[in-house]
Each structure stands twice: as structure tokens, then as C-alpha cells.
């Protein structure tokens, strides 16, 4: 394994822009898409939640297939970088189609929503799995990888802001009397920006880490190898629980500001932008904390803190919207560090898997992690829709019942807090701390594997 341990700042920024592009879709799916489908597109909340869950189950097939295809790709640009160029334009097109409203009947609109959502998830899979796999072949050094992920999650919110904080204000500027048309055009602009970000990522990165052992494409074999990695299995539970928490709370922000605080697009954007900058700040803090302390222990306490803050939000006064905004920003600071730690551990689990099985399945490993993450997104979105339905949220009404308001408050506070507690519990079983990983990396550099 030939590795250049240090990655330049230019390459870290270039790599990070790829995730900023991905998060135009990912963050809008978390924070805006549920609101768009219920209050703009016109889907019943229960239909929206069920669609989110069922469509995402297709990823159980597409994600490992894409991971295996990426692992088997061979080109002068590497295994993963070529996919950034090949898929960036279809990715941008999918952003527009999913935020378009056809002139169909109610049943036809549901069918269109499902098809457009499937297409977007397929394009996200086709470009995001190679992108995330690319991060695992830039370096094997655990601290350098943590630095890379810290840069990544400090820059990622830029793309997230386009898909969340900026979309509604820009839509209202472009089409003051037609929010649906405004959102469509805004996403077309942001999709084009995302396409450019992927191109920059392609030209500024370099795949350095090569597998010790080359083998032919065999999806079934690689899945068996993946599941033999017990640390990956533990991390999967951790990733799933965390993403459910993130999606439930993130998706509830628009409803919370509208229904509980009785504020409009300007305050929604303030919550989104405040959360974005807070997340960036938290990502910057991840490296010094993860370097000075064990990142596994840091991750445990980060999730416990987020749970405590979330439950505290349940008791906050809602007469003054600044108070919930401050609490929201504090939670996003903590969650910003969570993301960098999460992906650093995903890379560690990939290296550990190679050390244990003598087979480097980076694409399959990343695909499986992304599937688990997207499953968390799907379940979180489903919980969001189902809870709104149970508490009788009326998407066509500008004034909600007291029951609906209570449901939105629970989605913003207590429900995600419970999943943060489960996330913290899961990481207690994870064993790849810095001491273990330095032993694993040393063995891999010397061509040694687990006995």
C-alpha cells in the first residue's frame, strides 16, 4: 500500500466541495422536502411519510450494486473520481424534477412524486457512493483523515444552506406569487452550482490508497465479507439511530417555525442559516477534540449532550422566537462535530475490515454505510409524516389545532432526543479507538493482516 500521508489544504477544500454538492439534495430532503410535499405539492402527510420509507428501501439493492461497480471501476483517473464527472449533470437534472409539480390528477401527482423521488435517489446514489469512497483512498492516517473530515463538514453546510436556508427566500424573490415555480427555478440554479462543485472535486483530488489484493467483481462475496466486520455492524446501528434523530428534528424545523412560533420564511431562513454556521463551527472543533481525546468517547458525549439539549427545548418558552433559535444553534454546533467524527470512524472501519479479511472493499463498505444512513433518513422522514398525521396536522390549513402543535413540538424536541440516546448507547460497543487503529494501519503498511 503506497500512501502519501499528508493532504494539502487545496485538496481538502476540493474534496469537501463534493459533499457540499451532495448536501444540496441531502439537506433539502431532510429540512425542506417534507414541507414541500405537504404544504406546496399537496400530498397528505401519511402518504409523504410512507413514500419516503418505501422508495428508500430500493437503496437496499442499488447501494451495494453501485459500491461493487465503483470498486471494480478501472481508469487512469482511479476507481471513484470518474463517476463525479459522469453523473454530475443527471444529478443536477434530478434536483429540478423532484421539485416540479405536473398538471396531473391527484393520483397522477402521487405517481409522479414517487418516480421523480426514485430518480433523484438513484442519481444521489450513483454520485455520492463514489464520492464518499474517494475520501477513504486519499490517506490511511487516522488523524489526517479526521482533519479531512473536519474540513469536509465545515464546508458541507454551504451546499446545505442552498438546499435549505436559501431556497424559500430565493423562490419568493423569483416568483413572489408562485412559491412552487420559485422553488423549481431555485433548485435548478442550485443543481447547476452542485454540478460545478463536483467538477472541482474531480480535478483537485488524487486517489493514493490502492488495495493490497485485486479481485474480480463479486457482489455476494463482498457482502459476506462486509458483514463479517463486527465493527461495521456496530457502526451501522450508530449511523442509523443518529440519522433518524437528525432527520426528524431537521424536518420539523419548518413546521416548528410556522406552526409553533408563527413565523414565516425570513425566520425559517434564519434558523437554517444559524444552524449552518453553527454546524460549520462544530465541524472545526471536531479535529482538536478528536485529536486530544478519544474520538469514540467524544462521539458518545456529543450524542448525550444533543439528547439533553433536545429535551430542554421541550420546555422553552415559544413567545420569544430568539430563545428556541439559540437552543437550535447550540444543538447544531454539537451535531456539526458529530458528522466529522462519524465519517472518520467509517473510514477506520473500512481499514479494519481490510486488515481482518485481506480484502479492501471500499466502495461496498461506503455503499453499505450510505444505505444505512439513507435508511435512517427514510425512517426519520416516515416518522415525521406519521406523527404529523397522528396529531392531525392539516397541510391545507394556515392555523393548526393544539393537538397538531403539540405533535410538532415533540418532533422538534423529545423524539430526536430519544434517538440521540440510542446513538450514544450504540457507540459504547465500538472498539476502534486510536490505539487499535494505529496498530491496524501499521500492519497494513507492512503487508500484514489479522491472524
Protein backbone atom coordinates (compact mmCIF):
# COMPACT_ATOMS: atom_id res chain seq x y z
CA UNK A 1 0.00 0.00 0.00
CA UNK A 2 1.64 3.23 -1.16
CA UNK A 3 0.38 6.23 0.76
CA UNK A 4 1.25 9.91 0.89
CA UNK A 5 0.11 10.73 4.40
CA UNK A 6 -0.36 14.50 4.13
CA UNK A 7 -3.18 16.03 2.13
CA UNK A 8 -2.86 19.65 1.01
CA UNK A 9 -5.39 22.27 2.08
CA UNK A 10 -6.30 22.73 -1.59
CA UNK A 11 -7.20 19.05 -1.90
CA UNK A 12 -9.14 19.08 1.37
CA UNK A 13 -11.20 22.03 0.15
CA UNK A 14 -11.71 20.47 -3.29
CA UNK A 15 -12.79 17.18 -1.77
CA UNK A 16 -15.14 18.98 0.64
CA UNK A 17 -16.91 20.76 -2.22
CA UNK A 18 -18.13 17.38 -3.46
CA UNK A 19 -20.01 16.87 -0.22
CA UNK A 20 -21.32 20.43 -0.34
CA UNK A 21 -22.84 19.50 -3.72
CA UNK A 22 -24.33 16.29 -2.32
CA UNK A 23 -25.87 18.15 0.59
CA UNK A 24 -27.88 20.40 -1.71
CA UNK A 25 -30.03 17.28 -2.17
CA UNK A 26 -29.45 15.62 1.21
CA UNK A 27 -30.21 18.66 3.37
CA UNK A 28 -33.19 19.72 1.30
CA UNK A 29 -34.52 16.16 1.65
CA UNK A 30 -34.14 16.47 5.43
CA UNK A 31 -35.37 20.02 6.00
CA UNK A 32 -37.50 21.16 3.04
CA UNK A 33 -38.82 18.22 1.02
CA UNK A 34 -41.40 17.08 3.61
CA UNK A 35 -42.78 20.62 3.90
CA UNK A 36 -42.71 20.97 0.09
CA UNK A 37 -44.65 17.74 -0.46
CA UNK A 38 -47.32 18.50 2.17
CA UNK A 39 -47.78 22.28 2.01
CA UNK A 40 -46.76 23.10 -1.61
CA UNK A 41 -47.19 19.92 -3.65
CA UNK A 42 -50.30 18.85 -1.71
CA UNK A 43 -49.58 15.30 -0.55
CA UNK A 44 -51.26 14.08 2.66
CA UNK A 45 -48.63 13.76 5.47
CA UNK A 46 -49.16 10.00 5.82
CA UNK A 47 -48.65 9.48 2.06
CA UNK A 48 -45.49 11.60 2.15
CA UNK A 49 -44.04 9.65 5.09
CA UNK A 50 -44.84 6.27 3.56
CA UNK A 51 -43.34 7.31 0.21
CA UNK A 52 -40.11 8.38 1.91
CA UNK A 53 -39.80 4.98 3.55
CA UNK A 54 -40.78 2.72 0.64
CA UNK A 55 -38.68 4.49 -2.00
CA UNK A 56 -35.61 4.41 0.22
CA UNK A 57 -35.94 0.64 0.60
CA UNK A 58 -34.86 0.41 -3.06
CA UNK A 59 -31.44 1.54 -1.86
CA UNK A 60 -31.02 -1.92 -0.33
CA UNK A 61 -30.46 -3.07 -3.93
CA UNK A 62 -28.93 -0.05 -5.63
CA UNK A 63 -26.39 0.94 -2.96
CA UNK A 64 -24.38 -2.32 -2.78
CA UNK A 65 -24.55 -2.68 -6.56
CA UNK A 66 -23.13 0.82 -7.00
CA UNK A 67 -20.48 0.14 -4.38
CA UNK A 68 -19.38 -3.03 -6.14
CA UNK A 69 -19.36 -1.29 -9.54
CA UNK A 70 -17.23 1.53 -8.13
CA UNK A 71 -14.79 -0.97 -6.58
CA UNK A 72 -14.47 -2.71 -9.97
CA UNK A 73 -14.00 0.53 -11.94
CA UNK A 74 -10.58 0.96 -13.50
CA UNK A 75 -9.47 4.13 -15.26
CA UNK A 76 -6.50 6.49 -15.47
CA UNK A 77 -8.39 8.76 -13.02
CA UNK A 78 -8.88 5.96 -10.47
CA UNK A 79 -11.85 3.96 -9.27
CA UNK A 80 -14.12 6.66 -7.87
CA UNK A 81 -13.30 10.05 -9.41
CA UNK A 82 -14.66 9.26 -12.92
CA UNK A 83 -18.18 8.91 -11.51
CA UNK A 84 -18.16 12.53 -10.35
CA UNK A 85 -17.91 13.70 -13.97
CA UNK A 86 -20.27 11.07 -15.37
CA UNK A 87 -23.20 11.68 -13.01
CA UNK A 88 -22.98 15.38 -12.08
CA UNK A 89 -25.33 16.56 -14.88
CA UNK A 90 -28.05 13.90 -14.30
CA UNK A 91 -27.72 14.73 -10.59
CA UNK A 92 -28.49 18.40 -11.34
CA UNK A 93 -31.47 17.43 -13.52
CA UNK A 94 -32.91 15.28 -10.73
CA UNK A 95 -32.89 18.30 -8.40
CA UNK A 96 -35.26 20.09 -10.78
CA UNK A 97 -37.58 17.17 -11.48
CA UNK A 98 -38.24 16.35 -7.83
CA UNK A 99 -39.27 19.97 -7.18
CA UNK A 100 -41.65 20.16 -10.16
CA UNK A 101 -45.44 19.92 -9.97
CA UNK A 102 -47.10 18.34 -13.04
CA UNK A 103 -50.62 19.20 -14.15
CA UNK A 104 -51.93 15.73 -13.27
CA UNK A 105 -54.80 14.32 -11.25
CA UNK A 106 -54.25 13.65 -7.54
CA UNK A 107 -53.29 10.02 -8.18
CA UNK A 108 -51.11 11.07 -11.13
CA UNK A 109 -49.29 13.57 -8.93
CA UNK A 110 -48.55 10.83 -6.40
CA UNK A 111 -47.13 8.60 -9.14
CA UNK A 112 -45.02 11.47 -10.49
CA UNK A 113 -43.73 12.30 -7.00
CA UNK A 114 -42.67 8.67 -6.49
CA UNK A 115 -40.94 8.42 -9.89
CA UNK A 116 -39.14 11.75 -9.52
CA UNK A 117 -38.08 10.89 -5.98
CA UNK A 118 -36.76 7.49 -7.14
CA UNK A 119 -34.77 9.15 -9.93
CA UNK A 120 -33.24 11.65 -7.50
CA UNK A 121 -32.27 8.93 -5.03
CA UNK A 122 -30.69 6.89 -7.85
CA UNK A 123 -28.60 9.84 -9.02
CA UNK A 124 -27.62 10.63 -5.44
CA UNK A 125 -26.53 7.00 -5.01
CA UNK A 126 -24.59 6.95 -8.28
CA UNK A 127 -22.53 10.02 -7.40
CA UNK A 128 -22.42 10.02 -3.60
CA UNK A 129 -21.13 6.48 -3.07
CA UNK A 130 -18.07 7.04 -5.30
CA UNK A 131 -17.58 10.47 -3.69
CA UNK A 132 -17.62 9.09 -0.14
CA UNK A 133 -15.41 6.17 -1.21
CA UNK A 134 -12.92 8.70 -2.57
CA UNK A 135 -12.36 10.05 0.95
CA UNK A 136 -11.16 6.63 2.08
CA UNK A 137 -8.43 6.44 -0.59
CA UNK A 138 -6.84 9.86 -0.06
CA UNK A 139 -4.96 8.73 3.07
CA UNK A 140 -4.90 5.96 5.67
CA UNK A 141 -3.57 8.08 8.54
CA UNK A 142 -6.37 8.31 11.19
CA UNK A 143 -5.53 11.87 12.28
CA UNK A 144 -5.08 13.12 8.73
CA UNK A 145 -8.40 11.51 7.85
CA UNK A 146 -10.05 13.24 10.81
CA UNK A 147 -8.60 16.52 9.54
CA UNK A 148 -10.03 15.79 6.07
CA UNK A 149 -13.46 15.04 7.53
CA UNK A 150 -13.29 18.16 9.70
CA UNK A 151 -12.67 20.28 6.59
CA UNK A 152 -15.41 18.38 4.78
CA UNK A 153 -18.06 19.02 7.39
CA UNK A 154 -17.00 22.63 7.82
CA UNK A 155 -17.59 23.28 4.09
CA UNK A 156 -20.53 20.92 3.56
CA UNK A 157 -23.10 23.33 5.14
CA UNK A 158 -22.53 25.72 2.23
CA UNK A 159 -24.36 23.26 -0.01
CA UNK A 160 -26.81 22.50 2.75
CA UNK A 161 -27.66 26.21 3.03
CA UNK A 162 -28.51 26.33 -0.69
CA UNK A 163 -30.95 23.45 -0.30
CA UNK A 164 -32.48 24.76 2.93
CA UNK A 165 -31.92 28.34 4.13
CA UNK A 166 -31.72 29.93 0.67
CA UNK A 167 -34.37 28.07 -1.26
CA UNK A 168 -37.55 29.66 0.16
CA UNK A 169 -36.29 33.30 0.15
CA UNK A 170 -34.91 32.92 -3.39
CA UNK A 171 -38.17 31.27 -4.52
CA UNK A 172 -40.17 34.21 -3.14
CA UNK A 173 -37.84 36.69 -4.87
CA UNK A 174 -38.02 34.92 -8.23
CA UNK A 175 -41.77 34.27 -8.16
CA UNK A 176 -43.44 36.28 -5.35
CA UNK A 177 -46.91 34.97 -6.21
CA UNK A 178 -45.97 31.37 -7.06
CA UNK A 179 -43.82 29.57 -4.48
CA UNK A 180 -43.95 26.27 -6.40
CA UNK A 181 -42.42 27.81 -9.55
CA UNK A 182 -39.92 29.73 -7.45
CA UNK A 183 -38.71 26.58 -5.69
CA UNK A 184 -38.35 24.79 -9.03
CA UNK A 185 -36.17 27.54 -10.56
CA UNK A 186 -34.16 27.95 -7.34
CA UNK A 187 -33.32 24.24 -7.34
CA UNK A 188 -32.30 24.44 -11.00
CA UNK A 189 -29.78 27.13 -10.06
CA UNK A 190 -28.53 25.20 -7.05
CA UNK A 191 -28.28 21.98 -9.08
CA UNK A 192 -26.03 23.73 -11.60
CA UNK A 193 -23.85 25.02 -8.75
CA UNK A 194 -23.64 21.49 -7.36
CA UNK A 195 -22.57 20.19 -10.77
CA UNK A 196 -19.69 22.70 -10.81
CA UNK A 197 -18.66 21.68 -7.28
CA UNK A 198 -18.33 18.04 -8.36
CA UNK A 199 -16.18 19.05 -11.32
CA UNK A 200 -13.85 20.98 -8.98
CA UNK A 201 -13.71 17.97 -6.66
CA UNK A 202 -12.69 15.76 -9.58
CA UNK A 203 -9.81 17.99 -10.66
CA UNK A 204 -8.38 18.71 -7.20
CA UNK A 205 -8.23 15.19 -5.70
CA UNK A 206 -5.95 12.21 -6.19
CA UNK A 207 -6.57 8.56 -5.33
CA UNK A 208 -3.49 7.30 -3.47
CA UNK A 209 -4.52 4.23 -1.49
CA UNK A 210 -4.73 1.08 -3.59
CA UNK A 211 -5.99 -2.34 -2.44
CA UNK A 212 -3.29 -4.81 -1.50
CA UNK A 213 -5.12 -7.57 -3.31
CA UNK A 214 -7.02 -7.15 -6.58
CA UNK A 215 -10.01 -9.44 -7.17
CA UNK A 216 -12.82 -9.74 -9.70
CA UNK A 217 -16.29 -8.28 -9.17
CA UNK A 218 -18.38 -10.47 -6.85
CA UNK A 219 -21.19 -8.68 -5.02
CA UNK A 220 -22.35 -11.66 -2.92
CA UNK A 221 -18.79 -12.38 -1.72
CA UNK A 222 -18.19 -8.74 -0.82
CA UNK A 223 -21.45 -8.51 1.14
CA UNK A 224 -20.43 -11.60 3.15
CA UNK A 225 -17.02 -10.03 3.81
CA UNK A 226 -18.70 -6.80 4.87
CA UNK A 227 -20.96 -8.50 7.42
CA UNK A 228 -18.01 -10.38 8.89
CA UNK A 229 -16.72 -6.97 10.09
CA UNK A 230 -18.32 -6.68 13.54
CA UNK A 231 -17.18 -3.06 13.93
CA UNK A 232 -19.04 -2.12 10.75
CA UNK A 233 -22.19 -3.76 12.16
CA UNK A 234 -21.93 -1.72 15.37
CA UNK A 235 -21.27 1.47 13.41
CA UNK A 236 -24.32 0.76 11.25
CA UNK A 237 -26.62 0.84 14.27
CA UNK A 238 -24.93 4.07 15.39
CA UNK A 239 -25.34 5.67 11.94
CA UNK A 240 -28.98 4.63 11.65
CA UNK A 241 -30.02 6.00 15.03
CA UNK A 242 -28.16 9.27 14.52
CA UNK A 243 -29.71 9.92 11.13
CA UNK A 244 -33.22 9.25 12.39
CA UNK A 245 -32.59 11.89 15.07
CA UNK A 246 -31.11 14.37 12.58
CA UNK A 247 -33.92 13.93 10.03
CA UNK A 248 -36.82 14.07 12.47
CA UNK A 249 -35.51 17.24 14.05
CA UNK A 250 -34.28 18.80 10.81
CA UNK A 251 -37.56 18.10 9.04
CA UNK A 252 -39.52 19.57 11.94
CA UNK A 253 -37.77 22.97 11.80
CA UNK A 254 -40.03 24.47 9.11
CA UNK A 255 -43.17 23.14 10.81
CA UNK A 256 -41.93 24.38 14.20
CA UNK A 257 -41.25 27.91 13.00
CA UNK A 258 -44.52 28.09 11.06
CA UNK A 259 -46.85 26.34 13.49
CA UNK A 260 -45.37 26.89 16.95
CA UNK A 261 -43.53 30.21 16.60
CA UNK A 262 -45.97 31.57 13.97
CA UNK A 263 -43.18 32.99 11.82
CA UNK A 264 -42.58 32.94 8.06
CA UNK A 265 -39.83 32.33 5.50
CA UNK A 266 -37.50 35.01 6.92
CA UNK A 267 -37.28 33.36 10.35
CA UNK A 268 -37.14 29.89 8.77
CA UNK A 269 -34.07 31.04 6.82
CA UNK A 270 -32.59 32.48 10.00
CA UNK A 271 -32.95 29.09 11.70
CA UNK A 272 -31.39 27.37 8.67
CA UNK A 273 -28.50 29.82 8.30
CA UNK A 274 -27.87 29.89 12.03
CA UNK A 275 -27.80 26.11 12.03
CA UNK A 276 -25.45 26.08 9.04
CA UNK A 277 -22.84 28.35 10.62
CA UNK A 278 -23.20 26.52 13.93
CA UNK A 279 -22.62 23.19 12.17
CA UNK A 280 -19.53 24.59 10.45
CA UNK A 281 -18.16 25.74 13.80
CA UNK A 282 -18.84 22.34 15.34
CA UNK A 283 -17.01 20.62 12.48
CA UNK A 284 -13.95 22.79 13.09
CA UNK A 285 -13.99 21.76 16.76
CA UNK A 286 -14.12 18.05 15.87
CA UNK A 287 -10.43 17.80 14.97
CA UNK A 288 -8.90 19.30 18.15
CA UNK A 289 -11.33 17.42 20.39
CA UNK A 290 -10.97 14.18 18.43
CA UNK A 291 -7.18 14.51 18.48
CA UNK A 292 -6.80 15.40 22.15
CA UNK A 293 -9.39 12.92 23.39
CA UNK A 294 -10.52 9.53 22.08
CA UNK A 295 -12.93 10.30 19.24
CA UNK A 296 -15.11 7.33 20.18
CA UNK A 297 -15.63 8.74 23.69
CA UNK A 298 -16.13 12.24 22.27
CA UNK A 299 -18.85 10.87 19.99
CA UNK A 300 -20.62 9.26 22.96
CA UNK A 301 -20.76 12.53 24.91
CA UNK A 302 -21.69 14.56 21.83
CA UNK A 303 -24.84 12.48 21.39
CA UNK A 304 -25.70 12.57 25.09
CA UNK A 305 -25.35 16.36 25.02
CA UNK A 306 -27.61 16.62 21.98
CA UNK A 307 -30.23 14.49 23.75
CA UNK A 308 -30.12 16.74 26.84
CA UNK A 309 -30.39 19.89 24.73
CA UNK A 310 -33.27 18.43 22.75
CA UNK A 311 -35.30 17.55 25.83
CA UNK A 312 -34.54 21.00 27.26
CA UNK A 313 -36.07 22.56 24.14
CA UNK A 314 -39.41 20.98 25.04
CA UNK A 315 -39.72 23.36 28.00
CA UNK A 316 -38.54 26.52 26.24
CA UNK A 317 -40.97 29.48 26.01
CA UNK A 318 -42.19 29.93 22.44
CA UNK A 319 -43.42 33.52 22.87
CA UNK A 320 -39.90 34.75 22.05
CA UNK A 321 -38.55 33.01 18.96
CA UNK A 322 -34.96 34.03 19.73
CA UNK A 323 -34.81 31.57 22.64
CA UNK A 324 -35.57 28.47 20.51
CA UNK A 325 -33.20 29.84 17.86
CA UNK A 326 -30.32 29.94 20.36
CA UNK A 327 -31.10 26.41 21.51
CA UNK A 328 -31.26 25.26 17.88
CA UNK A 329 -27.85 26.79 17.19
CA UNK A 330 -26.31 25.05 20.21
CA UNK A 331 -27.64 21.68 19.04
CA UNK A 332 -26.26 22.28 15.55
CA UNK A 333 -22.81 23.13 16.94
CA UNK A 334 -22.75 19.76 18.67
CA UNK A 335 -24.17 17.92 15.65
CA UNK A 336 -21.58 19.55 13.38
CA UNK A 337 -18.83 17.78 15.29
CA UNK A 338 -20.82 14.55 15.14
CA UNK A 339 -20.62 14.37 11.35
CA UNK A 340 -16.82 14.64 11.15
CA UNK A 341 -16.37 12.04 13.88
CA UNK A 342 -18.89 9.75 12.20
CA UNK A 343 -17.14 9.64 8.82
CA UNK A 344 -13.70 9.34 10.37
CA UNK A 345 -14.92 6.19 12.14
CA UNK A 346 -16.46 4.89 8.90
CA UNK A 347 -13.02 5.11 7.26
CA UNK A 348 -11.45 3.38 10.27
CA UNK A 349 -13.96 0.53 9.99
CA UNK A 350 -13.10 0.18 6.29
CA UNK A 351 -9.36 -0.11 7.06
CA UNK A 352 -10.07 -2.52 9.90
CA UNK A 353 -12.15 -4.64 7.50
CA UNK A 354 -9.23 -4.89 5.07
CA UNK A 355 -6.89 -5.84 7.92
CA UNK A 356 -9.29 -8.52 9.15
CA UNK A 357 -10.39 -10.03 5.81
CA UNK A 358 -7.45 -9.23 3.45
CA UNK A 359 -9.94 -7.67 1.04
CA UNK A 360 -10.34 -3.90 0.57
CA UNK A 361 -13.98 -3.29 -0.42
CA UNK A 362 -14.05 0.48 -0.05
CA UNK A 363 -16.95 1.05 -2.44
CA UNK A 364 -19.06 -1.73 -0.90
CA UNK A 365 -18.21 -0.56 2.62
CA UNK A 366 -19.16 3.04 1.87
CA UNK A 367 -22.27 1.93 -0.05
CA UNK A 368 -23.44 -0.11 2.91
CA UNK A 369 -22.87 2.80 5.29
CA UNK A 370 -24.69 5.18 2.98
CA UNK A 371 -27.58 2.72 2.69
CA UNK A 372 -27.84 2.61 6.48
CA UNK A 373 -27.67 6.41 6.60
CA UNK A 374 -30.36 6.72 3.91
CA UNK A 375 -32.46 4.14 5.73
CA UNK A 376 -32.20 6.41 8.77
CA UNK A 377 -33.27 9.31 6.56
CA UNK A 378 -36.21 7.27 5.26
CA UNK A 379 -37.36 6.15 8.70
CA UNK A 380 -36.89 9.67 10.06
CA UNK A 381 -38.97 11.08 7.20
CA UNK A 382 -41.62 8.42 7.75
CA UNK A 383 -41.78 9.17 11.48
CA UNK A 384 -42.14 12.86 10.63
CA UNK A 385 -45.09 12.23 8.30
CA UNK A 386 -46.78 9.65 10.51
CA UNK A 387 -46.53 11.76 13.69
CA UNK A 388 -47.97 14.76 11.82
CA UNK A 389 -50.84 12.55 10.65
CA UNK A 390 -51.45 11.06 14.11
CA UNK A 391 -51.60 14.54 15.63
CA UNK A 392 -53.97 15.70 12.85
CA UNK A 393 -51.71 18.21 11.09
CA UNK A 394 -53.67 19.82 8.22
CA UNK A 395 -51.38 20.85 5.37
CA UNK A 396 -54.13 22.96 3.77
CA UNK A 397 -54.77 24.98 6.92
CA UNK A 398 -52.87 28.10 7.97
CA UNK A 399 -53.98 27.58 11.59
CA UNK A 400 -53.30 24.24 13.30
CA UNK A 401 -55.08 22.65 16.24
CA UNK A 402 -53.49 22.48 19.67
CA UNK A 403 -53.00 18.75 19.13
CA UNK A 404 -51.09 19.35 15.88
CA UNK A 405 -48.93 21.99 17.57
CA UNK A 406 -48.05 19.51 20.33
CA UNK A 407 -47.06 16.93 17.73
CA UNK A 408 -44.72 19.40 16.00
CA UNK A 409 -43.10 20.29 19.35
CA UNK A 410 -42.47 16.60 20.08
CA UNK A 411 -40.89 16.16 16.62
CA UNK A 412 -38.57 19.11 17.28
CA UNK A 413 -37.55 18.09 20.81
CA UNK A 414 -38.26 14.80 22.59
CA UNK A 415 -38.45 12.31 19.69
CA UNK A 416 -35.00 13.14 18.22
CA UNK A 417 -33.56 13.28 21.75
CA UNK A 418 -34.59 9.65 22.30
CA UNK A 419 -32.75 8.59 19.14
CA UNK A 420 -29.64 10.52 20.21
CA UNK A 421 -29.65 8.47 23.42
CA UNK A 422 -29.83 5.26 21.35
CA UNK A 423 -26.94 6.56 19.19
CA UNK A 424 -24.79 7.10 22.27
CA UNK A 425 -25.66 3.63 23.55
CA UNK A 426 -24.64 2.02 20.23
CA UNK A 427 -21.19 3.64 20.12
CA UNK A 428 -20.35 2.21 23.55
CA UNK A 429 -19.76 -1.14 21.81
CA UNK A 430 -17.38 0.28 19.16
CA UNK A 431 -13.73 -0.69 19.73
CA UNK A 432 -11.68 1.08 17.04
CA UNK A 433 -10.03 3.78 19.15
CA UNK A 434 -6.77 5.48 18.14
CA UNK A 435 -4.57 2.82 19.78
CA UNK A 436 -6.24 -0.02 17.88
CA UNK A 437 -6.28 1.87 14.58
CA UNK A 438 -2.60 2.78 14.65
CA UNK A 439 -1.84 -0.92 15.07
CA UNK A 440 -4.12 -1.80 12.16
CA UNK A 441 -2.62 0.86 9.86
CA UNK A 442 0.94 -0.15 10.76
CA UNK A 443 0.17 -3.76 9.86
CA UNK A 444 -1.44 -2.77 6.55
CA UNK A 445 1.58 -0.66 5.57
CA UNK A 446 3.79 -3.66 6.24
CA UNK A 447 1.52 -6.04 4.33
CA UNK A 448 0.36 -7.81 7.48
CA UNK A 449 -3.17 -8.86 8.34
CA UNK A 450 -5.13 -10.22 11.29
CA UNK A 451 -4.11 -13.72 12.26
